[in-house]
């Protein structure tokens, strides 16, 4: 039976190509794992022989076992993998071309009213270090719309360009900051004497998502 580790050099190259793009290590691991699982599903078919029919059959059996969101993520991995093979000259064209991504429902996030936001800000005691920090967190979250994980990853802002770097599920990106966020961050960084990453601190060290 074919084992995907027979293509160890190919997957090593795929991993390096993903690392160059700046993807998170967890995303790279998922992409390489999904690529291996796909090839192991077709032990008697080499990559150049893979067609769109193989892709569709594989996705169809996946849909019986996992959520639509997981199928969508596997499709992204396979697209990346076969695009890499095309770029490396291993195959003539990607068998993923022409196959639409699986749709899945995203539950809407609850919206906060202006009164609720004001109440959150009012609950932060600006006379205390923790209150100054919490006030800045609330302002930045509502100003930028970043995820909690991205918030925790933030570095001190680029004051000149009014940007802050975050590292999230889609990789590293720069998010613009409004004047309210800049003011709140300046106060927080000054009160907490923070000048490097990770930016958000607690009594016992950097804040985490837990």
C-alpha atoms as a PDB file:
ATOM      1  CA  UNK A   1       0.000   0.000   0.000  1.00  0.00           C
ATOM      2  CA  UNK A   2       1.212   3.484  -0.841  1.00  0.00           C
ATOM      3  CA  UNK A   3       2.254   5.686   2.062  1.00  0.00           C
ATOM      4  CA  UNK A   4       2.381   9.473   1.745  1.00  0.00           C
ATOM      5  CA  UNK A   5       5.752   9.473   3.510  1.00  0.00           C
ATOM      6  CA  UNK A   6       7.051   8.103   0.208  1.00  0.00           C
ATOM      7  CA  UNK A   7       6.832  11.726  -0.880  1.00  0.00           C
ATOM      8  CA  UNK A   8       8.704  13.062   2.151  1.00  0.00           C
ATOM      9  CA  UNK A   9      10.893  15.395   0.075  1.00  0.00           C
ATOM     10  CA  UNK A  10       7.847  16.751  -1.740  1.00  0.00           C
ATOM     11  CA  UNK A  11       6.035  17.489   1.511  1.00  0.00           C
ATOM     12  CA  UNK A  12       9.162  19.054   2.950  1.00  0.00           C
ATOM     13  CA  UNK A  13       9.216  21.414  -0.020  1.00  0.00           C
ATOM     14  CA  UNK A  14       5.505  22.100   0.433  1.00  0.00           C
ATOM     15  CA  UNK A  15       6.069  22.958   4.085  1.00  0.00           C
ATOM     16  CA  UNK A  16       8.898  25.345   3.233  1.00  0.00           C
ATOM     17  CA  UNK A  17       6.757  27.028   0.571  1.00  0.00           C
ATOM     18  CA  UNK A  18       4.004  27.579   3.141  1.00  0.00           C
ATOM     19  CA  UNK A  19       6.446  28.962   5.696  1.00  0.00           C
ATOM     20  CA  UNK A  20       7.657  31.528   3.173  1.00  0.00           C
ATOM     21  CA  UNK A  21       4.105  32.880   2.862  1.00  0.00           C
ATOM     22  CA  UNK A  22       4.022  33.647   6.596  1.00  0.00           C
ATOM     23  CA  UNK A  23       1.248  31.228   7.556  1.00  0.00           C
ATOM     24  CA  UNK A  24       0.928  30.209  11.181  1.00  0.00           C
ATOM     25  CA  UNK A  25       2.658  26.934  12.176  1.00  0.00           C
ATOM     26  CA  UNK A  26      -0.714  25.391  13.080  1.00  0.00           C
ATOM     27  CA  UNK A  27      -2.098  26.214   9.622  1.00  0.00           C
ATOM     28  CA  UNK A  28       0.987  24.774   7.933  1.00  0.00           C
ATOM     29  CA  UNK A  29       0.606  21.582   9.955  1.00  0.00           C
ATOM     30  CA  UNK A  30      -3.053  21.272   8.932  1.00  0.00           C
ATOM     31  CA  UNK A  31      -2.264  21.827   5.250  1.00  0.00           C
ATOM     32  CA  UNK A  32       0.532  19.256   5.138  1.00  0.00           C
ATOM     33  CA  UNK A  33      -1.500  16.734   7.150  1.00  0.00           C
ATOM     34  CA  UNK A  34      -4.522  17.130   4.875  1.00  0.00           C
ATOM     35  CA  UNK A  35      -2.312  16.692   1.817  1.00  0.00           C
ATOM     36  CA  UNK A  36      -0.861  13.460   3.197  1.00  0.00           C
ATOM     37  CA  UNK A  37      -4.277  12.073   4.133  1.00  0.00           C
ATOM     38  CA  UNK A  38      -5.571  12.766   0.643  1.00  0.00           C
ATOM     39  CA  UNK A  39      -2.718  10.904  -1.063  1.00  0.00           C
ATOM     40  CA  UNK A  40      -3.081   7.993   1.361  1.00  0.00           C
ATOM     41  CA  UNK A  41      -6.764   7.762   0.429  1.00  0.00           C
ATOM     42  CA  UNK A  42      -5.680   6.924  -3.132  1.00  0.00           C
ATOM     43  CA  UNK A  43      -2.733   4.535  -2.585  1.00  0.00           C
ATOM     44  CA  UNK A  44      -2.574   3.419  -6.216  1.00  0.00           C
ATOM     45  CA  UNK A  45      -2.800   6.872  -7.806  1.00  0.00           C
ATOM     46  CA  UNK A  46       0.218   9.155  -8.175  1.00  0.00           C
ATOM     47  CA  UNK A  47      -0.170  12.974  -8.014  1.00  0.00           C
ATOM     48  CA  UNK A  48       0.018  13.460 -11.826  1.00  0.00           C
ATOM     49  CA  UNK A  49      -2.874  11.003 -12.201  1.00  0.00           C
ATOM     50  CA  UNK A  50      -5.169  12.785  -9.742  1.00  0.00           C
ATOM     51  CA  UNK A  51      -8.208  14.352 -11.419  1.00  0.00           C
ATOM     52  CA  UNK A  52     -11.105  16.506 -10.283  1.00  0.00           C
ATOM     53  CA  UNK A  53     -13.133  13.298  -9.950  1.00  0.00           C
ATOM     54  CA  UNK A  54     -10.774  12.066  -7.231  1.00  0.00           C
ATOM     55  CA  UNK A  55     -11.100  15.399  -5.435  1.00  0.00           C
ATOM     56  CA  UNK A  56     -14.900  15.350  -5.584  1.00  0.00           C
ATOM     57  CA  UNK A  57     -15.087  11.740  -4.389  1.00  0.00           C
ATOM     58  CA  UNK A  58     -12.780  12.478  -1.480  1.00  0.00           C
ATOM     59  CA  UNK A  59     -14.784  15.536  -0.425  1.00  0.00           C
ATOM     60  CA  UNK A  60     -18.051  13.611  -0.746  1.00  0.00           C
ATOM     61  CA  UNK A  61     -16.924  10.947   1.722  1.00  0.00           C
ATOM     62  CA  UNK A  62     -15.558  13.627   4.052  1.00  0.00           C
ATOM     63  CA  UNK A  63     -18.935  15.366   4.178  1.00  0.00           C
ATOM     64  CA  UNK A  64     -20.408  12.214   5.720  1.00  0.00           C
ATOM     65  CA  UNK A  65     -17.947  12.339   8.610  1.00  0.00           C
ATOM     66  CA  UNK A  66     -17.071  15.947   9.407  1.00  0.00           C
ATOM     67  CA  UNK A  67     -18.615  19.413   9.417  1.00  0.00           C
ATOM     68  CA  UNK A  68     -18.938  21.605   6.339  1.00  0.00           C
ATOM     69  CA  UNK A  69     -16.394  23.986   7.858  1.00  0.00           C
ATOM     70  CA  UNK A  70     -13.833  21.183   8.120  1.00  0.00           C
ATOM     71  CA  UNK A  71     -14.480  20.166   4.505  1.00  0.00           C
ATOM     72  CA  UNK A  72     -13.942  23.792   3.501  1.00  0.00           C
ATOM     73  CA  UNK A  73     -10.604  23.862   5.339  1.00  0.00           C
ATOM     74  CA  UNK A  74      -9.514  20.606   3.679  1.00  0.00           C
ATOM     75  CA  UNK A  75     -10.348  22.113   0.293  1.00  0.00           C
ATOM     76  CA  UNK A  76      -8.136  25.093   1.062  1.00  0.00           C
ATOM     77  CA  UNK A  77      -5.307  22.722   1.957  1.00  0.00           C
ATOM     78  CA  UNK A  78      -5.710  20.695  -1.236  1.00  0.00           C
ATOM     79  CA  UNK A  79      -5.819  23.850  -3.335  1.00  0.00           C
ATOM     80  CA  UNK A  80      -2.547  24.981  -1.789  1.00  0.00           C
ATOM     81  CA  UNK A  81      -0.952  21.568  -2.181  1.00  0.00           C
ATOM     82  CA  UNK A  82      -1.811  21.039  -5.840  1.00  0.00           C
ATOM     83  CA  UNK A  83      -0.980  24.645  -6.705  1.00  0.00           C
ATOM     84  CA  UNK A  84       2.441  23.991  -5.199  1.00  0.00           C
ATOM     85  CA  UNK A  85       2.823  20.870  -7.361  1.00  0.00           C
ATOM     86  CA  UNK A  86       1.963  22.906 -10.458  1.00  0.00           C
ATOM     87  CA  UNK A  87       4.486  25.605  -9.571  1.00  0.00           C
ATOM     88  CA  UNK A  88       7.151  22.951  -9.016  1.00  0.00           C
ATOM     89  CA  UNK A  89       6.415  21.333 -12.380  1.00  0.00           C
ATOM     90  CA  UNK A  90       5.288  18.071 -10.783  1.00  0.00           C
ATOM     91  CA  UNK A  91       1.860  18.191 -12.469  1.00  0.00           C
ATOM     92  CA  UNK A  92       0.496  20.064 -15.488  1.00  0.00           C
ATOM     93  CA  UNK A  93      -2.595  21.519 -13.838  1.00  0.00           C
ATOM     94  CA  UNK A  94      -4.427  21.503 -10.528  1.00  0.00           C
ATOM     95  CA  UNK A  95      -7.300  19.001 -10.193  1.00  0.00           C
ATOM     96  CA  UNK A  96      -8.904  21.469  -7.772  1.00  0.00           C
ATOM     97  CA  UNK A  97      -9.551  24.007 -10.515  1.00  0.00           C
ATOM     98  CA  UNK A  98     -13.240  24.436 -11.213  1.00  0.00           C
ATOM     99  CA  UNK A  99     -14.362  22.928  -7.904  1.00  0.00           C
ATOM    100  CA  UNK A 100     -16.240  25.456  -5.789  1.00  0.00           C
ATOM    101  CA  UNK A 101     -15.428  25.771  -2.121  1.00  0.00           C
ATOM    102  CA  UNK A 102     -17.880  24.151   0.263  1.00  0.00           C
ATOM    103  CA  UNK A 103     -20.179  26.660   1.902  1.00  0.00           C
ATOM    104  CA  UNK A 104     -20.831  26.606   5.608  1.00  0.00           C
ATOM    105  CA  UNK A 105     -22.882  28.694   7.954  1.00  0.00           C
ATOM    106  CA  UNK A 106     -21.202  31.214  10.200  1.00  0.00           C
ATOM    107  CA  UNK A 107     -23.198  32.036  13.298  1.00  0.00           C
ATOM    108  CA  UNK A 108     -23.432  35.828  13.602  1.00  0.00           C
ATOM    109  CA  UNK A 109     -21.561  37.395  16.478  1.00  0.00           C
ATOM    110  CA  UNK A 110     -23.678  39.327  18.973  1.00  0.00           C
ATOM    111  CA  UNK A 111     -23.743  43.067  18.367  1.00  0.00           C
ATOM    112  CA  UNK A 112     -23.306  45.516  21.208  1.00  0.00           C
ATOM    113  CA  UNK A 113     -25.302  48.700  21.455  1.00  0.00           C
ATOM    114  CA  UNK A 114     -23.583  52.019  22.071  1.00  0.00           C
ATOM    115  CA  UNK A 115     -25.026  52.057  25.590  1.00  0.00           C
ATOM    116  CA  UNK A 116     -23.508  48.631  26.304  1.00  0.00           C
ATOM    117  CA  UNK A 117     -20.115  49.766  25.017  1.00  0.00           C
ATOM    118  CA  UNK A 118     -20.280  52.899  27.172  1.00  0.00           C
ATOM    119  CA  UNK A 119     -21.181  50.741  30.178  1.00  0.00           C
ATOM    120  CA  UNK A 120     -18.151  48.519  29.560  1.00  0.00           C
ATOM    121  CA  UNK A 121     -15.858  51.526  29.348  1.00  0.00           C
ATOM    122  CA  UNK A 122     -17.411  53.106  32.437  1.00  0.00           C
ATOM    123  CA  UNK A 123     -16.705  49.921  34.412  1.00  0.00           C
ATOM    124  CA  UNK A 124     -12.954  50.384  33.851  1.00  0.00           C
ATOM    125  CA  UNK A 125     -11.396  52.289  36.760  1.00  0.00           C
ATOM    126  CA  UNK A 126      -8.844  54.564  35.081  1.00  0.00           C
ATOM    127  CA  UNK A 127      -7.265  55.260  38.473  1.00  0.00           C
ATOM    128  CA  UNK A 128      -5.857  51.726  38.549  1.00  0.00           C
ATOM    129  CA  UNK A 129      -3.345  50.045  36.198  1.00  0.00           C
ATOM    130  CA  UNK A 130      -5.735  47.187  35.407  1.00  0.00           C
ATOM    131  CA  UNK A 131      -8.520  49.652  34.656  1.00  0.00           C
ATOM    132  CA  UNK A 132      -6.303  51.580  32.232  1.00  0.00           C
ATOM    133  CA  UNK A 133      -5.399  48.319  30.496  1.00  0.00           C
ATOM    134  CA  UNK A 134      -8.979  47.030  30.325  1.00  0.00           C
ATOM    135  CA  UNK A 135     -10.194  50.362  28.965  1.00  0.00           C
ATOM    136  CA  UNK A 136      -7.588  50.181  26.190  1.00  0.00           C
ATOM    137  CA  UNK A 137      -8.560  46.588  25.392  1.00  0.00           C
ATOM    138  CA  UNK A 138     -12.252  47.463  25.035  1.00  0.00           C
ATOM    139  CA  UNK A 139     -11.487  50.493  22.859  1.00  0.00           C
ATOM    140  CA  UNK A 140      -9.128  48.552  20.578  1.00  0.00           C
ATOM    141  CA  UNK A 141     -11.484  45.574  20.229  1.00  0.00           C
ATOM    142  CA  UNK A 142     -14.425  47.683  19.128  1.00  0.00           C
ATOM    143  CA  UNK A 143     -12.308  50.029  17.024  1.00  0.00           C
ATOM    144  CA  UNK A 144     -10.493  47.339  15.023  1.00  0.00           C
ATOM    145  CA  UNK A 145     -12.822  44.326  15.139  1.00  0.00           C
ATOM    146  CA  UNK A 146      -9.878  41.964  15.664  1.00  0.00           C
ATOM    147  CA  UNK A 147     -10.298  38.524  17.206  1.00  0.00           C
ATOM    148  CA  UNK A 148      -9.237  37.924  20.795  1.00  0.00           C
ATOM    149  CA  UNK A 149      -6.278  35.837  19.625  1.00  0.00           C
ATOM    150  CA  UNK A 150      -5.160  38.674  17.360  1.00  0.00           C
ATOM    151  CA  UNK A 151      -5.536  41.162  20.199  1.00  0.00           C
ATOM    152  CA  UNK A 152      -3.290  39.088  22.468  1.00  0.00           C
ATOM    153  CA  UNK A 153      -0.636  38.878  19.729  1.00  0.00           C
ATOM    154  CA  UNK A 154      -0.392  42.657  19.277  1.00  0.00           C
ATOM    155  CA  UNK A 155       2.892  44.513  19.322  1.00  0.00           C
ATOM    156  CA  UNK A 156       3.195  48.186  20.329  1.00  0.00           C
ATOM    157  CA  UNK A 157       1.743  50.273  17.486  1.00  0.00           C
ATOM    158  CA  UNK A 158       3.440  52.058  14.635  1.00  0.00           C
ATOM    159  CA  UNK A 159       2.570  55.560  15.838  1.00  0.00           C
ATOM    160  CA  UNK A 160       3.589  57.325  12.641  1.00  0.00           C
ATOM    161  CA  UNK A 161       1.409  55.206  10.359  1.00  0.00           C
ATOM    162  CA  UNK A 162      -1.236  54.495  13.016  1.00  0.00           C
ATOM    163  CA  UNK A 163      -1.041  50.742  12.517  1.00  0.00           C
ATOM    164  CA  UNK A 164      -0.722  47.750  14.815  1.00  0.00           C
ATOM    165  CA  UNK A 165       0.618  44.322  13.851  1.00  0.00           C
ATOM    166  CA  UNK A 166      -1.471  41.260  14.715  1.00  0.00           C
ATOM    167  CA  UNK A 167      -0.913  37.560  14.132  1.00  0.00           C
ATOM    168  CA  UNK A 168      -4.076  35.527  13.631  1.00  0.00           C
ATOM    169  CA  UNK A 169      -5.560  32.587  11.758  1.00  0.00           C
ATOM    170  CA  UNK A 170      -4.816  34.176   8.401  1.00  0.00           C
ATOM    171  CA  UNK A 171      -1.254  35.102   9.342  1.00  0.00           C
ATOM    172  CA  UNK A 172       0.384  38.428  10.110  1.00  0.00           C
ATOM    173  CA  UNK A 173      -1.426  41.601   9.093  1.00  0.00           C
ATOM    174  CA  UNK A 174      -1.466  45.301   9.958  1.00  0.00           C
ATOM    175  CA  UNK A 175      -4.623  46.906  11.311  1.00  0.00           C
ATOM    176  CA  UNK A 176      -5.349  50.659  11.264  1.00  0.00           C
ATOM    177  CA  UNK A 177      -6.032  52.381  14.583  1.00  0.00           C
ATOM    178  CA  UNK A 178      -8.393  55.255  15.279  1.00  0.00           C
ATOM    179  CA  UNK A 179      -7.501  58.211  17.469  1.00  0.00           C
ATOM    180  CA  UNK A 180      -9.392  56.793  20.461  1.00  0.00           C
ATOM    181  CA  UNK A 181      -7.377  53.572  20.270  1.00  0.00           C
ATOM    182  CA  UNK A 182      -4.103  55.435  19.893  1.00  0.00           C
ATOM    183  CA  UNK A 183      -4.864  57.582  22.926  1.00  0.00           C
ATOM    184  CA  UNK A 184      -5.921  54.595  25.044  1.00  0.00           C
ATOM    185  CA  UNK A 185      -2.848  52.604  23.987  1.00  0.00           C
ATOM    186  CA  UNK A 186      -0.480  55.484  24.708  1.00  0.00           C
ATOM    187  CA  UNK A 187      -1.909  55.785  28.221  1.00  0.00           C
ATOM    188  CA  UNK A 188      -1.742  52.029  28.816  1.00  0.00           C
ATOM    189  CA  UNK A 189       1.823  51.602  27.521  1.00  0.00           C
ATOM    190  CA  UNK A 190       3.004  54.586  29.564  1.00  0.00           C
ATOM    191  CA  UNK A 191       1.312  53.470  32.795  1.00  0.00           C
ATOM    192  CA  UNK A 192       2.545  49.893  32.433  1.00  0.00           C
ATOM    193  CA  UNK A 193       6.007  50.844  31.100  1.00  0.00           C
ATOM    194  CA  UNK A 194       5.594  48.513  28.119  1.00  0.00           C
ATOM    195  CA  UNK A 195       7.810  49.032  25.081  1.00  0.00           C
ATOM    196  CA  UNK A 196       8.038  45.591  23.474  1.00  0.00           C
ATOM    197  CA  UNK A 197       6.026  42.473  22.649  1.00  0.00           C
ATOM    198  CA  UNK A 198       3.837  40.951  23.890  1.00  0.00           C
ATOM    199  CA  UNK A 199       2.058  44.225  24.471  1.00  0.00           C
ATOM    200  CA  UNK A 200      -0.745  43.200  26.807  1.00  0.00           C
ATOM    201  CA  UNK A 201       0.412  42.408  30.333  1.00  0.00           C
ATOM    202  CA  UNK A 202      -1.141  41.197  33.541  1.00  0.00           C
ATOM    203  CA  UNK A 203       0.012  40.959  37.118  1.00  0.00           C
ATOM    204  CA  UNK A 204       1.859  37.705  36.456  1.00  0.00           C
ATOM    205  CA  UNK A 205       3.020  38.233  32.877  1.00  0.00           C
ATOM    206  CA  UNK A 206       1.624  38.400  29.325  1.00  0.00           C
ATOM    207  CA  UNK A 207      -2.130  38.007  28.901  1.00  0.00           C
ATOM    208  CA  UNK A 208      -3.422  34.846  27.211  1.00  0.00           C
ATOM    209  CA  UNK A 209      -6.723  33.829  25.626  1.00  0.00           C
ATOM    210  CA  UNK A 210      -7.523  31.447  28.492  1.00  0.00           C
END
